[in-house]
Amino acid sequence: MRKAPGNKEKIFYTAVKLFAQKGYAPVTMREIAAEVGIKAASIYNHYDSKESLLTAMVEYFRDALNSQVFPSFEELRSLPPREYLLGTMNSTERMFTDPVLREISAILVKEQFTNKTVRLLLLTELIQKPREALTEYFTSMISGGRMKQINPTLAAKEYHAYFIYRFYENSLRIDSGAQEFYKDEDEQAAHLNLFLEHFQLEDTDKK
């Protein structure tokens, strides 16, 4: 039997809901406590400030990437290019089936302009780490003669830019009232096919 969430978990999920609905700045700790149904002072037994709640959301987002997405970049390396890129794409799609992560994404996109911790998270975890993993993969494809000669970092940036665009578009849609991230499988397939064709990725080594 699943254990009922304690007050700390209730505070966290309530804060996510309120920050996503109203924005981070207008929501008070007292309002969060009232929504949870606890005394205002009790909330500080678990979180000492709104900033600590936002930090917890940053960690929730980072942990999801580290457990659900980033491992696939290494675990799927033995697959042919199409299956590899599809696999890493699908791991990201699965991560965002979590409604809490969708709401946190909308919060982070808004707060990146005023919060250094959020900016650093999005820069390192959403942009730099995937780009580095893709650069390493494309480097191995080029050295094996399975991809045309090109700067692998540039190829990684071009491939990954589509997913950054979709992340921001979906986060803005959630902020505007959408309940789910949209998924256009035809568009994703077209993006993948265009990339594979343009950069001439092959399933087997030519060397």
C-alpha atoms as a PDB file:
ATOM      1  CA  MET A   1       0.000   0.000   0.000  1.00  0.00           C
ATOM      2  CA  ARG A   2       1.376   3.379  -1.010  1.00  0.00           C
ATOM      3  CA  LYS A   3       2.257   5.630   1.896  1.00  0.00           C
ATOM      4  CA  ALA A   4       0.268   8.861   2.087  1.00  0.00           C
ATOM      5  CA  PRO A   5       2.408  11.956   1.492  1.00  0.00           C
ATOM      6  CA  GLY A   6       3.612  13.725   4.610  1.00  0.00           C
ATOM      7  CA  ASN A   7       3.416  17.452   5.201  1.00  0.00           C
ATOM      8  CA  LYS A   8       6.748  18.133   3.505  1.00  0.00           C
ATOM      9  CA  GLU A   9       5.596  16.445   0.300  1.00  0.00           C
ATOM     10  CA  LYS A  10       2.216  18.187   0.489  1.00  0.00           C
ATOM     11  CA  ILE A  11       3.942  21.550   0.887  1.00  0.00           C
ATOM     12  CA  PHE A  12       6.192  20.856  -2.096  1.00  0.00           C
ATOM     13  CA  TYR A  13       3.424  19.765  -4.468  1.00  0.00           C
ATOM     14  CA  THR A  14       1.146  22.577  -3.319  1.00  0.00           C
ATOM     15  CA  ALA A  15       3.901  25.115  -3.923  1.00  0.00           C
ATOM     16  CA  VAL A  16       4.446  23.693  -7.413  1.00  0.00           C
ATOM     17  CA  LYS A  17       0.747  24.080  -8.170  1.00  0.00           C
ATOM     18  CA  LEU A  18       0.530  27.628  -6.818  1.00  0.00           C
ATOM     19  CA  PHE A  19       3.784  28.824  -8.415  1.00  0.00           C
ATOM     20  CA  ALA A  20       2.652  27.410 -11.758  1.00  0.00           C
ATOM     21  CA  GLN A  21      -0.786  29.016 -11.478  1.00  0.00           C
ATOM     22  CA  LYS A  22       0.112  32.417 -10.028  1.00  0.00           C
ATOM     23  CA  GLY A  23       3.829  32.844 -10.498  1.00  0.00           C
ATOM     24  CA  TYR A  24       6.573  32.579  -7.915  1.00  0.00           C
ATOM     25  CA  ALA A  25       6.626  36.167  -6.638  1.00  0.00           C
ATOM     26  CA  PRO A  26       2.939  36.632  -5.651  1.00  0.00           C
ATOM     27  CA  VAL A  27       2.637  33.404  -3.646  1.00  0.00           C
ATOM     28  CA  THR A  28       3.408  33.599   0.078  1.00  0.00           C
ATOM     29  CA  MET A  29       4.466  30.916   2.524  1.00  0.00           C
ATOM     30  CA  ARG A  30       1.286  31.662   4.481  1.00  0.00           C
ATOM     31  CA  GLU A  31      -0.802  30.982   1.373  1.00  0.00           C
ATOM     32  CA  ILE A  32       0.958  27.670   0.771  1.00  0.00           C
ATOM     33  CA  ALA A  33       0.409  26.635   4.397  1.00  0.00           C
ATOM     34  CA  ALA A  34      -3.278  27.537   4.203  1.00  0.00           C
ATOM     35  CA  GLU A  35      -3.696  25.508   1.020  1.00  0.00           C
ATOM     36  CA  VAL A  36      -2.033  22.505   2.677  1.00  0.00           C
ATOM     37  CA  GLY A  37      -4.145  22.965   5.808  1.00  0.00           C
ATOM     38  CA  ILE A  38      -1.392  23.568   8.349  1.00  0.00           C
ATOM     39  CA  LYS A  39      -0.480  26.529  10.548  1.00  0.00           C
ATOM     40  CA  ALA A  40       1.629  29.188   8.865  1.00  0.00           C
ATOM     41  CA  ALA A  41       4.511  28.688  11.287  1.00  0.00           C
ATOM     42  CA  SER A  42       4.552  24.928  10.685  1.00  0.00           C
ATOM     43  CA  ILE A  43       5.706  25.282   7.093  1.00  0.00           C
ATOM     44  CA  TYR A  44       9.091  26.516   8.331  1.00  0.00           C
ATOM     45  CA  ASN A  45       9.711  23.147   9.976  1.00  0.00           C
ATOM     46  CA  HIS A  46      10.183  21.818   6.439  1.00  0.00           C
ATOM     47  CA  TYR A  47      11.229  24.766   4.264  1.00  0.00           C
ATOM     48  CA  ASP A  48      12.820  27.886   5.671  1.00  0.00           C
ATOM     49  CA  SER A  49      11.836  30.134   2.760  1.00  0.00           C
ATOM     50  CA  LYS A  50      10.189  30.313  -0.636  1.00  0.00           C
ATOM     51  CA  GLU A  51      13.676  30.210  -2.126  1.00  0.00           C
ATOM     52  CA  SER A  52      14.275  26.812  -0.521  1.00  0.00           C
ATOM     53  CA  LEU A  53      11.067  25.551  -2.127  1.00  0.00           C
ATOM     54  CA  LEU A  54      12.225  26.776  -5.524  1.00  0.00           C
ATOM     55  CA  THR A  55      15.597  25.116  -4.915  1.00  0.00           C
ATOM     56  CA  ALA A  56      13.776  21.855  -4.157  1.00  0.00           C
ATOM     57  CA  MET A  57      12.008  22.165  -7.514  1.00  0.00           C
ATOM     58  CA  VAL A  58      15.342  22.713  -9.240  1.00  0.00           C
ATOM     59  CA  GLU A  59      16.632  19.516  -7.608  1.00  0.00           C
ATOM     60  CA  TYR A  60      13.483  17.605  -8.574  1.00  0.00           C
ATOM     61  CA  PHE A  61      14.011  18.623 -12.200  1.00  0.00           C
ATOM     62  CA  ARG A  62      17.742  17.813 -12.109  1.00  0.00           C
ATOM     63  CA  ASP A  63      17.147  14.420 -10.489  1.00  0.00           C
ATOM     64  CA  ALA A  64      14.601  13.518 -13.173  1.00  0.00           C
ATOM     65  CA  LEU A  65      17.068  14.332 -15.941  1.00  0.00           C
ATOM     66  CA  ASN A  66      19.864  12.403 -14.236  1.00  0.00           C
ATOM     67  CA  SER A  67      17.744   9.318 -13.599  1.00  0.00           C
ATOM     68  CA  GLN A  68      15.485   9.215 -16.659  1.00  0.00           C
ATOM     69  CA  VAL A  69      17.218  10.958 -19.558  1.00  0.00           C
ATOM     70  CA  PHE A  70      20.992  11.207 -19.277  1.00  0.00           C
ATOM     71  CA  PRO A  71      21.626   7.458 -18.741  1.00  0.00           C
ATOM     72  CA  SER A  72      20.107   6.732 -22.156  1.00  0.00           C
ATOM     73  CA  PHE A  73      22.867   8.698 -23.900  1.00  0.00           C
ATOM     74  CA  GLU A  74      25.361   6.082 -22.702  1.00  0.00           C
ATOM     75  CA  GLU A  75      23.195   2.965 -22.436  1.00  0.00           C
ATOM     76  CA  LEU A  76      21.991   3.161 -26.055  1.00  0.00           C
ATOM     77  CA  ARG A  77      25.397   3.830 -27.645  1.00  0.00           C
ATOM     78  CA  SER A  78      25.554   0.363 -29.240  1.00  0.00           C
ATOM     79  CA  LEU A  79      22.372   0.960 -31.267  1.00  0.00           C
ATOM     80  CA  PRO A  80      22.345   2.202 -34.880  1.00  0.00           C
ATOM     81  CA  PRO A  81      22.046   6.009 -35.189  1.00  0.00           C
ATOM     82  CA  ARG A  82      18.295   6.100 -35.851  1.00  0.00           C
ATOM     83  CA  GLU A  83      17.494   3.849 -32.894  1.00  0.00           C
ATOM     84  CA  TYR A  84      19.960   5.705 -30.682  1.00  0.00           C
ATOM     85  CA  LEU A  85      18.491   9.120 -31.411  1.00  0.00           C
ATOM     86  CA  LEU A  86      14.932   7.789 -31.135  1.00  0.00           C
ATOM     87  CA  GLY A  87      15.764   6.187 -27.800  1.00  0.00           C
ATOM     88  CA  THR A  88      17.196   9.352 -26.293  1.00  0.00           C
ATOM     89  CA  MET A  89      14.238  11.301 -27.672  1.00  0.00           C
ATOM     90  CA  ASN A  90      11.756   8.871 -26.131  1.00  0.00           C
ATOM     91  CA  SER A  91      13.447   8.988 -22.724  1.00  0.00           C
ATOM     92  CA  THR A  92      12.847  12.734 -22.676  1.00  0.00           C
ATOM     93  CA  GLU A  93       9.225  12.304 -23.743  1.00  0.00           C
ATOM     94  CA  ARG A  94       8.633   9.802 -20.931  1.00  0.00           C
ATOM     95  CA  MET A  95      10.100  12.174 -18.371  1.00  0.00           C
ATOM     96  CA  PHE A  96       7.572  14.857 -19.233  1.00  0.00           C
ATOM     97  CA  THR A  97       4.603  12.552 -18.740  1.00  0.00           C
ATOM     98  CA  ASP A  98       5.027  13.561 -15.085  1.00  0.00           C
ATOM     99  CA  PRO A  99       2.571  16.459 -14.551  1.00  0.00           C
ATOM    100  CA  VAL A 100       4.697  17.813 -11.695  1.00  0.00           C
ATOM    101  CA  LEU A 101       7.687  18.115 -14.025  1.00  0.00           C
ATOM    102  CA  ARG A 102       5.560  19.888 -16.602  1.00  0.00           C
ATOM    103  CA  GLU A 103       4.488  22.466 -14.027  1.00  0.00           C
ATOM    104  CA  ILE A 104       8.031  22.846 -12.707  1.00  0.00           C
ATOM    105  CA  SER A 105       9.216  23.430 -16.277  1.00  0.00           C
ATOM    106  CA  ALA A 106       6.780  26.315 -16.635  1.00  0.00           C
ATOM    107  CA  ILE A 107       7.996  27.766 -13.323  1.00  0.00           C
ATOM    108  CA  LEU A 108      11.665  27.479 -14.289  1.00  0.00           C
ATOM    109  CA  VAL A 109      11.158  29.128 -17.663  1.00  0.00           C
ATOM    110  CA  LYS A 110       9.613  32.153 -15.955  1.00  0.00           C
ATOM    111  CA  GLU A 111      12.139  32.332 -13.126  1.00  0.00           C
ATOM    112  CA  GLN A 112      15.272  31.979 -15.262  1.00  0.00           C
ATOM    113  CA  PHE A 113      15.376  35.741 -15.756  1.00  0.00           C
ATOM    114  CA  THR A 114      15.469  36.563 -12.050  1.00  0.00           C
ATOM    115  CA  ASN A 115      17.064  33.528 -10.396  1.00  0.00           C
ATOM    116  CA  LYS A 116      20.701  32.577 -10.970  1.00  0.00           C
ATOM    117  CA  THR A 117      20.228  29.007  -9.695  1.00  0.00           C
ATOM    118  CA  VAL A 118      17.480  28.396 -12.231  1.00  0.00           C
ATOM    119  CA  ARG A 119      19.536  29.908 -15.064  1.00  0.00           C
ATOM    120  CA  LEU A 120      22.483  27.685 -14.175  1.00  0.00           C
ATOM    121  CA  LEU A 121      20.265  24.600 -14.061  1.00  0.00           C
ATOM    122  CA  LEU A 122      18.796  25.233 -17.497  1.00  0.00           C
ATOM    123  CA  LEU A 123      22.187  26.065 -18.969  1.00  0.00           C
ATOM    124  CA  THR A 124      24.051  23.049 -17.607  1.00  0.00           C
ATOM    125  CA  GLU A 125      21.390  20.339 -17.457  1.00  0.00           C
ATOM    126  CA  LEU A 126      19.164  21.228 -20.385  1.00  0.00           C
ATOM    127  CA  ILE A 127      21.715  22.598 -22.845  1.00  0.00           C
ATOM    128  CA  GLN A 128      25.333  21.769 -22.040  1.00  0.00           C
ATOM    129  CA  LYS A 129      25.129  18.155 -20.814  1.00  0.00           C
ATOM    130  CA  PRO A 130      22.987  16.836 -23.697  1.00  0.00           C
ATOM    131  CA  ARG A 131      25.137  18.769 -26.178  1.00  0.00           C
ATOM    132  CA  GLU A 132      28.312  17.241 -24.739  1.00  0.00           C
ATOM    133  CA  ALA A 133      26.839  13.721 -24.880  1.00  0.00           C
ATOM    134  CA  LEU A 134      25.693  14.209 -28.466  1.00  0.00           C
ATOM    135  CA  THR A 135      29.050  15.716 -29.447  1.00  0.00           C
ATOM    136  CA  GLU A 136      30.813  12.633 -28.102  1.00  0.00           C
ATOM    137  CA  TYR A 137      28.416  10.350 -29.980  1.00  0.00           C
ATOM    138  CA  PHE A 138      28.739  12.216 -33.275  1.00  0.00           C
ATOM    139  CA  THR A 139      32.528  12.263 -32.891  1.00  0.00           C
ATOM    140  CA  SER A 140      32.496   8.465 -32.700  1.00  0.00           C
ATOM    141  CA  MET A 141      30.207   8.295 -35.747  1.00  0.00           C
ATOM    142  CA  ILE A 142      32.549  10.520 -37.759  1.00  0.00           C
ATOM    143  CA  SER A 143      35.662   8.588 -36.743  1.00  0.00           C
ATOM    144  CA  GLY A 144      33.937   5.341 -37.765  1.00  0.00           C
ATOM    145  CA  GLY A 145      33.037   6.733 -41.172  1.00  0.00           C
ATOM    146  CA  ARG A 146      29.330   6.606 -40.346  1.00  0.00           C
ATOM    147  CA  MET A 147      28.746  10.347 -40.565  1.00  0.00           C
ATOM    148  CA  LYS A 148      30.038  12.979 -42.937  1.00  0.00           C
ATOM    149  CA  GLN A 149      32.990  15.066 -41.849  1.00  0.00           C
ATOM    150  CA  ILE A 150      31.662  18.022 -39.894  1.00  0.00           C
ATOM    151  CA  ASN A 151      32.264  19.755 -36.596  1.00  0.00           C
ATOM    152  CA  PRO A 152      30.541  17.324 -34.164  1.00  0.00           C
ATOM    153  CA  THR A 153      29.716  20.096 -31.691  1.00  0.00           C
ATOM    154  CA  LEU A 154      27.919  22.027 -34.420  1.00  0.00           C
ATOM    155  CA  ALA A 155      25.991  18.890 -35.381  1.00  0.00           C
ATOM    156  CA  ALA A 156      25.033  18.373 -31.725  1.00  0.00           C
ATOM    157  CA  LYS A 157      23.836  21.961 -31.451  1.00  0.00           C
ATOM    158  CA  GLU A 158      21.769  21.697 -34.619  1.00  0.00           C
ATOM    159  CA  TYR A 159      20.160  18.413 -33.575  1.00  0.00           C
ATOM    160  CA  HIS A 160      19.492  19.425 -29.977  1.00  0.00           C
ATOM    161  CA  ALA A 161      18.153  22.895 -30.829  1.00  0.00           C
ATOM    162  CA  TYR A 162      14.836  21.361 -31.908  1.00  0.00           C
ATOM    163  CA  PHE A 163      14.300  19.854 -28.453  1.00  0.00           C
ATOM    164  CA  ILE A 164      15.219  23.079 -26.671  1.00  0.00           C
ATOM    165  CA  TYR A 165      12.654  24.850 -28.842  1.00  0.00           C
ATOM    166  CA  ARG A 166      10.004  22.259 -27.967  1.00  0.00           C
ATOM    167  CA  PHE A 167      10.804  22.477 -24.250  1.00  0.00           C
ATOM    168  CA  TYR A 168      10.316  26.235 -24.225  1.00  0.00           C
ATOM    169  CA  GLU A 169       7.220  26.142 -26.397  1.00  0.00           C
ATOM    170  CA  ASN A 170       5.599  23.486 -24.220  1.00  0.00           C
ATOM    171  CA  SER A 171       6.559  25.240 -20.985  1.00  0.00           C
ATOM    172  CA  LEU A 172       4.975  28.448 -22.256  1.00  0.00           C
ATOM    173  CA  ARG A 173       1.849  26.525 -23.248  1.00  0.00           C
ATOM    174  CA  ILE A 174       1.596  25.047 -19.734  1.00  0.00           C
ATOM    175  CA  ASP A 175       1.957  28.557 -18.341  1.00  0.00           C
ATOM    176  CA  SER A 176      -0.953  29.589 -20.579  1.00  0.00           C
ATOM    177  CA  GLY A 177      -3.232  26.858 -19.271  1.00  0.00           C
ATOM    178  CA  ALA A 178      -2.428  23.754 -21.324  1.00  0.00           C
ATOM    179  CA  GLN A 179      -2.509  20.545 -19.295  1.00  0.00           C
ATOM    180  CA  GLU A 180       0.003  18.482 -21.251  1.00  0.00           C
ATOM    181  CA  PHE A 181       3.087  18.856 -23.415  1.00  0.00           C
ATOM    182  CA  TYR A 182       2.051  18.486 -27.026  1.00  0.00           C
ATOM    183  CA  LYS A 183       3.675  15.672 -28.962  1.00  0.00           C
ATOM    184  CA  ASP A 184       3.803  15.728 -32.747  1.00  0.00           C
ATOM    185  CA  GLU A 185       5.252  12.367 -33.742  1.00  0.00           C
ATOM    186  CA  ASP A 186       5.199  13.223 -37.448  1.00  0.00           C
ATOM    187  CA  GLU A 187       7.169  16.399 -36.806  1.00  0.00           C
ATOM    188  CA  GLN A 188       9.678  14.553 -34.631  1.00  0.00           C
ATOM    189  CA  ALA A 189      10.115  11.857 -37.279  1.00  0.00           C
ATOM    190  CA  ALA A 190      10.605  14.522 -39.954  1.00  0.00           C
ATOM    191  CA  HIS A 191      13.227  16.247 -37.811  1.00  0.00           C
ATOM    192  CA  LEU A 192      15.090  12.983 -37.287  1.00  0.00           C
ATOM    193  CA  ASN A 193      14.915  12.004 -40.964  1.00  0.00           C
ATOM    194  CA  LEU A 194      16.134  15.426 -42.064  1.00  0.00           C
ATOM    195  CA  PHE A 195      19.066  15.269 -39.670  1.00  0.00           C
ATOM    196  CA  LEU A 196      20.059  11.718 -40.634  1.00  0.00           C
ATOM    197  CA  GLU A 197      19.880  12.553 -44.325  1.00  0.00           C
ATOM    198  CA  HIS A 198      21.688  15.882 -44.095  1.00  0.00           C
ATOM    199  CA  PHE A 199      24.541  14.585 -41.949  1.00  0.00           C
ATOM    200  CA  GLN A 200      24.626  11.203 -43.726  1.00  0.00           C
ATOM    201  CA  LEU A 201      24.515   8.989 -40.646  1.00  0.00           C
ATOM    202  CA  GLU A 202      24.923   5.311 -41.514  1.00  0.00           C
ATOM    203  CA  ASP A 203      24.051   2.184 -39.531  1.00  0.00           C
ATOM    204  CA  THR A 204      27.415   0.465 -40.025  1.00  0.00           C
ATOM    205  CA  ASP A 205      31.053   1.514 -40.000  1.00  0.00           C
ATOM    206  CA  LYS A 206      32.644   2.215 -43.364  1.00  0.00           C
ATOM    207  CA  LYS A 207      36.190   1.869 -42.071  1.00  0.00           C
END
